[in-house]
């Protein structure tokens, strides 16, 4: 049984922030594969096991992946001489040769939170696509990175996603780490693969919560009825394990401000998990959040919601905190970004709405 996850690391998107969503977190310089050994599997070195199952990948590249800690057997990192046993679950992240995809450098203003000789942290605005593709070949973050690094000789401009180790959705704002050389990219990719990074998001979602904290566990895969959307689906139907921890920051009655911390990085993970537990992101058209899901039937309230949609004309999600180990110094770096103006205005409107209702009730 095998399954190719796609991408390069995951560009853990968003939530996305390794594989098809190696992230919500993925880059195209890595591809993640997952295999489950057959019940009758005889003991076999894992490098031989993988070479027999992955086309166009040499044994040397498999061994390199093992040396880099990018081969897991039942969730534990193993070396190339590990012997595969029946029903072992094997995951591997292997490097892929750069593709001949031309990236057009574009001069643009980037909100650079941190930069040294090895890594850069960027605060991406909502509305900016991370990398070219699917009709978005210009104006992406990658186009801007290509311009920013145009005079840096070791920056891999022949990589279709130069420097990217993870990604977030077009309409999600917030922090991304960018690697400035192949070694840094591999090191950061290892961290995303082994889930040692720290990623926290802030979202405004529909509804109130019974508890202040909670965890959503549900495998995520393509929605069988709409391939453009993701959904919670069984693992035997293509779902990938996903875990999201949440904490309520502020309650507004009909909506709540929550912090979500990713344990995994599947495509649209936060958006799917919040919808799954009955709390779609506010103004998320893909997952039903662009409708009035909680509240009164009064026309004044409906107008208030329409005004809120206009203030924040995208799903209300911001990648606020990003932490990782520096590829050279080994120091754990943690960065935080303030909420963008559209989400600040949206939250202020809800605070004022709740305050005005409390005043009217007291009167």
Protein backbone atom coordinates (compact mmCIF):
# COMPACT_ATOMS: atom_id res chain seq x y z
CA UNK A 1 0.00 0.00 0.00
CA UNK A 2 1.53 3.31 -0.95
CA UNK A 3 0.67 6.90 -1.30
CA UNK A 4 2.50 9.88 -2.76
CA UNK A 5 1.85 13.07 -0.84
CA UNK A 6 3.12 15.75 -3.24
CA UNK A 7 5.11 18.83 -2.72
CA UNK A 8 7.93 19.34 -1.25
CA UNK A 9 7.71 19.61 2.17
CA UNK A 10 4.41 20.42 3.14
CA UNK A 11 4.31 23.49 2.53
CA UNK A 12 2.46 23.12 5.52
CA UNK A 13 -0.28 25.40 4.36
CA UNK A 14 -1.87 27.17 6.88
CA UNK A 15 -2.68 25.40 8.60
CA UNK A 16 -1.46 24.34 5.42
CA UNK A 17 0.92 25.71 6.85
CA UNK A 18 4.86 17.81 4.65
CA UNK A 19 3.42 16.39 1.43
CA UNK A 20 0.26 17.28 -0.33
CA UNK A 21 0.05 19.51 2.46
CA UNK A 22 3.11 19.11 3.92
CA UNK A 23 2.13 22.08 4.13
CA UNK A 24 -0.54 24.44 5.38
CA UNK A 25 3.10 23.40 4.98
CA UNK A 26 5.10 22.15 1.20
CA UNK A 27 7.82 22.87 -1.12
CA UNK A 28 8.45 21.30 -4.44
CA UNK A 29 12.07 20.48 -3.62
CA UNK A 30 10.85 17.62 -1.42
CA UNK A 31 8.23 14.92 -1.90
CA UNK A 32 6.68 12.95 0.93
CA UNK A 33 5.68 9.31 0.53
CA UNK A 34 3.83 7.00 2.88
CA UNK A 35 3.79 3.22 2.74
CA UNK A 36 2.31 0.46 4.86
CA UNK A 37 4.16 -2.85 4.63
CA UNK A 38 2.08 -5.88 3.68
CA UNK A 39 1.17 -8.45 6.37
CA UNK A 40 3.50 -10.95 4.66
CA UNK A 41 6.45 -8.55 4.37
CA UNK A 42 9.79 -10.28 4.96
CA UNK A 43 12.52 -8.43 6.87
CA UNK A 44 14.14 -6.02 4.41
CA UNK A 45 16.44 -3.02 4.73
CA UNK A 46 14.37 0.13 4.53
CA UNK A 47 16.53 1.72 1.81
CA UNK A 48 15.95 -1.34 -0.41
CA UNK A 49 12.25 -1.35 0.52
CA UNK A 50 11.86 2.27 -0.56
CA UNK A 51 13.96 2.06 -3.73
CA UNK A 52 11.71 -0.78 -4.91
CA UNK A 53 8.62 1.39 -4.41
CA UNK A 54 9.64 4.90 -5.44
CA UNK A 55 10.42 5.38 -9.11
CA UNK A 56 13.30 7.57 -10.25
CA UNK A 57 14.79 7.81 -6.74
CA UNK A 58 18.28 6.36 -6.21
CA UNK A 59 19.38 4.40 -3.17
CA UNK A 60 21.86 7.18 -2.39
CA UNK A 61 19.04 9.73 -2.13
CA UNK A 62 17.12 7.38 0.14
CA UNK A 63 20.19 6.98 2.33
CA UNK A 64 20.69 10.74 2.37
CA UNK A 65 17.09 11.09 3.57
CA UNK A 66 17.76 8.58 6.35
CA UNK A 67 20.94 10.39 7.41
CA UNK A 68 18.93 13.63 7.58
CA UNK A 69 16.31 12.02 9.82
CA UNK A 70 13.62 12.16 7.15
CA UNK A 71 12.61 8.48 7.22
CA UNK A 72 10.15 7.41 9.90
CA UNK A 73 9.07 3.89 10.78
CA UNK A 74 5.94 3.91 12.91
CA UNK A 75 6.61 7.54 13.77
CA UNK A 76 10.25 7.04 14.82
CA UNK A 77 13.27 8.24 12.83
CA UNK A 78 15.34 5.31 11.52
CA UNK A 79 18.57 4.81 9.60
CA UNK A 80 18.91 3.13 6.20
CA UNK A 81 19.79 -0.26 7.73
CA UNK A 82 16.47 -0.50 9.58
CA UNK A 83 14.63 -3.69 8.61
CA UNK A 84 11.01 -3.27 7.60
CA UNK A 85 8.55 -5.63 9.32
CA UNK A 86 4.97 -6.59 8.43
CA UNK A 87 2.49 -3.71 8.74
CA UNK A 88 5.19 -1.11 9.44
CA UNK A 89 4.05 2.40 8.54
CA UNK A 90 6.84 4.12 6.65
CA UNK A 91 7.06 7.85 5.87
CA UNK A 92 9.89 9.39 3.88
CA UNK A 93 10.70 12.89 2.65
CA UNK A 94 13.06 12.81 -0.34
CA UNK A 95 14.62 15.66 -2.26
CA UNK A 96 13.70 16.16 -5.90
CA UNK A 97 15.76 17.74 -8.65
CA UNK A 98 14.87 21.38 -9.36
CA UNK A 99 12.29 21.82 -12.10
CA UNK A 100 12.85 24.07 -15.07
CA UNK A 101 10.19 26.57 -14.05
CA UNK A 102 11.11 30.17 -14.65
CA UNK A 103 10.35 32.54 -11.80
CA UNK A 104 9.99 36.17 -12.92
CA UNK A 105 11.51 38.53 -10.31
CA UNK A 106 9.14 41.36 -9.42
CA UNK A 107 10.00 44.37 -7.34
CA UNK A 108 7.53 44.65 -4.49
CA UNK A 109 7.41 45.76 -0.90
CA UNK A 110 7.88 42.85 1.49
CA UNK A 111 7.12 43.11 5.20
CA UNK A 112 10.35 41.54 6.48
CA UNK A 113 10.15 40.76 10.19
CA UNK A 114 13.63 39.22 10.46
CA UNK A 115 16.54 38.50 8.15
CA UNK A 116 20.10 37.20 8.45
CA UNK A 117 22.44 35.34 6.11
CA UNK A 118 20.48 32.10 6.40
CA UNK A 119 16.77 32.75 6.96
CA UNK A 120 14.16 35.43 6.57
CA UNK A 121 10.73 35.76 8.18
CA UNK A 122 8.06 37.56 6.16
CA UNK A 123 4.66 38.84 7.24
CA UNK A 124 2.42 38.02 4.26
CA UNK A 125 -0.62 40.21 3.67
CA UNK A 126 -4.02 38.71 2.93
CA UNK A 127 -4.66 38.52 -0.81
CA UNK A 128 -1.10 37.61 -1.78
CA UNK A 129 -0.56 34.17 -3.30
CA UNK A 130 2.53 32.43 -1.94
CA UNK A 131 3.86 30.81 -5.11
CA UNK A 132 3.00 30.86 -8.83
CA UNK A 133 0.50 28.39 -10.21
CA UNK A 134 -3.18 27.83 -10.90
CA UNK A 135 -3.46 31.04 -12.88
CA UNK A 136 -1.39 33.12 -10.47
CA UNK A 137 1.97 33.55 -12.16
CA UNK A 138 2.72 37.13 -11.14
CA UNK A 139 2.48 39.16 -7.97
CA UNK A 140 3.18 36.18 -5.72
CA UNK A 141 5.47 36.11 -2.71
CA UNK A 142 7.91 33.96 -4.68
CA UNK A 143 8.13 36.61 -7.41
CA UNK A 144 8.97 39.14 -4.72
CA UNK A 145 11.55 36.82 -3.14
CA UNK A 146 13.22 36.29 -6.51
CA UNK A 147 13.67 40.05 -6.78
CA UNK A 148 14.82 40.45 -3.18
CA UNK A 149 17.48 37.75 -3.63
CA UNK A 150 18.40 38.56 -7.21
CA UNK A 151 22.02 39.36 -6.28
CA UNK A 152 22.52 36.44 -3.90
CA UNK A 153 24.46 33.75 -5.73
CA UNK A 154 23.50 30.78 -3.56
CA UNK A 155 19.76 31.47 -3.64
CA UNK A 156 18.21 28.64 -5.74
CA UNK A 157 16.32 30.60 -8.41
CA UNK A 158 15.90 27.40 -10.46
CA UNK A 159 13.73 25.99 -7.67
CA UNK A 160 10.03 26.61 -8.55
CA UNK A 161 9.41 27.58 -4.92
CA UNK A 162 12.71 29.18 -3.97
CA UNK A 163 13.22 29.45 -0.25
CA UNK A 164 9.73 28.30 0.75
CA UNK A 165 9.49 25.76 3.53
CA UNK A 166 5.78 26.11 4.23
CA UNK A 167 2.86 28.14 2.93
CA UNK A 168 -0.38 29.75 3.98
CA UNK A 169 -3.52 30.40 1.95
CA UNK A 170 -3.91 33.41 -0.29
CA UNK A 171 -6.47 35.03 1.99
CA UNK A 172 -4.70 34.11 5.22
CA UNK A 173 -2.31 36.74 6.55
CA UNK A 174 0.74 36.18 8.69
CA UNK A 175 4.22 34.79 9.18
CA UNK A 176 6.28 32.60 6.86
CA UNK A 177 9.91 31.53 7.19
CA UNK A 178 12.07 31.61 4.04
CA UNK A 179 15.35 29.71 3.66
CA UNK A 180 18.16 31.56 1.88
CA UNK A 181 20.16 28.50 0.82
CA UNK A 182 19.51 24.79 0.16
CA UNK A 183 21.07 23.69 3.46
CA UNK A 184 18.81 25.96 5.49
CA UNK A 185 15.81 24.77 3.52
CA UNK A 186 16.63 21.14 4.25
CA UNK A 187 17.14 21.87 7.95
CA UNK A 188 13.86 23.76 8.24
CA UNK A 189 12.12 21.09 6.20
CA UNK A 190 13.31 18.51 8.73
CA UNK A 191 11.72 20.55 11.51
CA UNK A 192 8.35 20.75 9.77
CA UNK A 193 8.56 17.05 8.98
CA UNK A 194 9.21 16.18 12.63
CA UNK A 195 6.64 18.72 13.90
CA UNK A 196 9.12 20.62 16.07
CA UNK A 197 8.10 24.06 14.81
CA UNK A 198 5.61 26.27 16.63
CA UNK A 199 2.67 27.70 14.69
CA UNK A 200 -0.22 29.58 16.23
CA UNK A 201 -3.07 31.27 14.40
CA UNK A 202 -5.80 33.64 15.50
CA UNK A 203 -9.24 33.25 13.95
CA UNK A 204 -12.71 34.70 14.37
CA UNK A 205 -15.23 31.88 14.11
CA UNK A 206 -18.98 31.55 14.27
CA UNK A 207 -20.61 30.44 17.51
CA UNK A 208 -19.80 30.13 21.18
CA UNK A 209 -17.79 27.32 22.80
CA UNK A 210 -18.79 25.27 25.82
CA UNK A 211 -15.18 24.99 26.96
CA UNK A 212 -12.27 27.42 26.94
CA UNK A 213 -9.87 24.93 25.35
CA UNK A 214 -10.13 21.86 23.19
CA UNK A 215 -8.56 19.66 20.54
CA UNK A 216 -9.93 18.70 17.15
CA UNK A 217 -8.71 15.37 15.75
CA UNK A 218 -9.86 14.39 12.29
CA UNK A 219 -8.10 13.17 9.16
CA UNK A 220 -8.26 15.66 6.30
CA UNK A 221 -8.50 14.90 2.58
CA UNK A 222 -10.16 16.12 -0.58
CA UNK A 223 -13.90 16.54 -0.31
CA UNK A 224 -15.28 13.70 -2.48
CA UNK A 225 -18.13 15.96 -3.62
CA UNK A 226 -15.99 19.03 -4.35
CA UNK A 227 -12.30 18.55 -5.18
CA UNK A 228 -11.62 22.25 -4.61
CA UNK A 229 -12.41 21.88 -0.92
CA UNK A 230 -11.01 19.76 1.87
CA UNK A 231 -13.01 17.82 4.44
CA UNK A 232 -12.66 15.49 7.40
CA UNK A 233 -12.58 12.05 5.79
CA UNK A 234 -11.52 8.59 7.05
CA UNK A 235 -7.88 7.66 6.59
CA UNK A 236 -8.89 4.65 4.49
CA UNK A 237 -10.60 7.13 2.14
CA UNK A 238 -7.52 9.27 1.68
CA UNK A 239 -7.58 11.42 4.81
CA UNK A 240 -4.29 12.44 6.43
CA UNK A 241 -4.07 12.60 10.23
CA UNK A 242 -4.59 16.14 11.52
CA UNK A 243 -4.70 17.65 14.99
CA UNK A 244 -5.60 21.23 15.95
CA UNK A 245 -5.56 22.60 19.50
CA UNK A 246 -7.67 25.67 20.20
CA UNK A 247 -8.12 28.18 23.01
CA UNK A 248 -10.88 30.77 23.28
CA UNK A 249 -9.43 34.26 23.59
CA UNK A 250 -12.61 36.33 23.61
CA UNK A 251 -16.32 35.64 23.36
CA UNK A 252 -18.81 37.84 21.51
CA UNK A 253 -21.90 35.66 21.88
CA UNK A 254 -22.52 34.88 18.23
CA UNK A 255 -18.84 34.65 17.30
CA UNK A 256 -15.62 33.82 19.17
CA UNK A 257 -12.00 34.81 18.84
CA UNK A 258 -9.81 31.72 19.13
CA UNK A 259 -6.14 30.81 19.02
CA UNK A 260 -5.37 27.64 17.06
CA UNK A 261 -2.10 25.76 17.43
CA UNK A 262 -1.19 23.26 14.76
CA UNK A 263 0.17 19.86 15.60
CA UNK A 264 0.06 18.91 11.92
CA UNK A 265 -0.04 20.98 8.75
CA UNK A 266 -2.76 19.86 6.37
CA UNK A 267 -4.29 21.94 3.63
CA UNK A 268 -6.99 24.26 5.04
CA UNK A 269 -6.59 22.47 8.39
CA UNK A 270 -7.94 25.17 10.69
CA UNK A 271 -10.75 26.08 8.31
CA UNK A 272 -11.83 22.44 7.94
CA UNK A 273 -11.50 21.52 11.61
CA UNK A 274 -13.41 24.58 12.81
CA UNK A 275 -16.20 23.86 10.34
CA UNK A 276 -16.19 20.21 11.41
CA UNK A 277 -16.99 21.14 15.02
CA UNK A 278 -19.64 23.65 13.99
CA UNK A 279 -17.58 26.85 14.08
CA UNK A 280 -16.73 27.92 10.51
CA UNK A 281 -14.36 30.84 10.12
CA UNK A 282 -16.12 34.17 9.85
CA UNK A 283 -16.61 35.14 6.17
CA UNK A 284 -15.06 31.93 4.79
CA UNK A 285 -16.95 31.30 1.53
CA UNK A 286 -15.40 27.87 0.96
CA UNK A 287 -16.64 26.44 4.25
CA UNK A 288 -19.94 28.22 4.81
CA UNK A 289 -18.75 31.09 6.98
CA UNK A 290 -19.96 33.82 4.62
CA UNK A 291 -23.56 33.34 5.78
CA UNK A 292 -25.26 34.49 8.97
CA UNK A 293 -24.90 31.35 11.05
CA UNK A 294 -25.66 32.74 14.51
CA UNK A 295 -27.67 35.66 15.79
CA UNK A 296 -31.04 37.32 15.52
CA UNK A 297 -33.43 37.74 12.62
CA UNK A 298 -33.56 41.52 12.94
CA UNK A 299 -32.71 43.53 9.82
CA UNK A 300 -30.39 45.75 11.86
CA UNK A 301 -28.30 42.70 12.83
CA UNK A 302 -28.18 41.48 9.23
CA UNK A 303 -26.88 44.89 8.17
CA UNK A 304 -24.27 44.75 10.94
CA UNK A 305 -23.02 41.39 9.61
CA UNK A 306 -22.89 42.71 6.04
CA UNK A 307 -20.82 45.63 7.28
CA UNK A 308 -18.49 43.20 9.05
CA UNK A 309 -18.05 41.20 5.84
CA UNK A 310 -17.11 44.43 4.05
CA UNK A 311 -14.59 45.41 6.71
CA UNK A 312 -12.86 42.02 6.49
CA UNK A 313 -13.65 40.68 3.00
CA UNK A 314 -11.87 37.35 3.52
CA UNK A 315 -11.82 34.51 6.02
CA UNK A 316 -10.69 35.90 9.37
CA UNK A 317 -7.47 33.98 9.93
CA UNK A 318 -3.98 35.25 10.78
CA UNK A 319 -0.74 33.29 11.28
CA UNK A 320 0.36 35.16 14.38
CA UNK A 321 3.19 33.11 15.92
CA UNK A 322 6.01 31.20 14.22
CA UNK A 323 8.84 29.43 16.04
CA UNK A 324 11.70 27.30 14.73
CA UNK A 325 15.30 26.35 15.42
CA UNK A 326 17.83 28.47 13.55
CA UNK A 327 19.55 26.20 10.98
CA UNK A 328 23.04 27.41 11.95
CA UNK A 329 23.04 28.70 15.52
CA UNK A 330 20.55 26.16 16.87
CA UNK A 331 18.77 28.92 18.79
CA UNK A 332 15.00 28.60 18.94
CA UNK A 333 13.53 31.73 17.40
CA UNK A 334 9.95 32.82 17.99
CA UNK A 335 8.21 35.64 16.12
CA UNK A 336 4.84 37.28 16.63
CA UNK A 337 2.93 39.59 14.33
CA UNK A 338 0.08 41.92 15.18
CA UNK A 339 -3.36 41.36 13.75
CA UNK A 340 -3.78 43.13 10.39
CA UNK A 341 -6.01 46.17 10.18
CA UNK A 342 -9.00 44.36 8.65
CA UNK A 343 -9.19 41.82 11.47
CA UNK A 344 -8.60 44.50 14.12
CA UNK A 345 -11.51 46.52 12.75
CA UNK A 346 -13.68 43.41 12.59
CA UNK A 347 -12.97 42.48 16.21
CA UNK A 348 -13.53 46.07 17.37
CA UNK A 349 -16.93 46.06 15.69
CA UNK A 350 -17.93 42.93 17.57
CA UNK A 351 -16.67 44.36 20.85
CA UNK A 352 -18.74 47.49 20.29
CA UNK A 353 -21.75 45.41 19.30
CA UNK A 354 -21.57 43.36 22.49
CA UNK A 355 -21.05 46.50 24.59
CA UNK A 356 -24.04 48.27 23.09
CA UNK A 357 -26.26 45.24 23.71
CA UNK A 358 -25.13 45.07 27.36
CA UNK A 359 -25.87 48.78 27.82
CA UNK A 360 -29.34 48.39 26.31
CA UNK A 361 -30.02 45.39 28.55
CA UNK A 362 -28.91 47.26 31.68
CA UNK A 363 -31.08 50.24 30.79
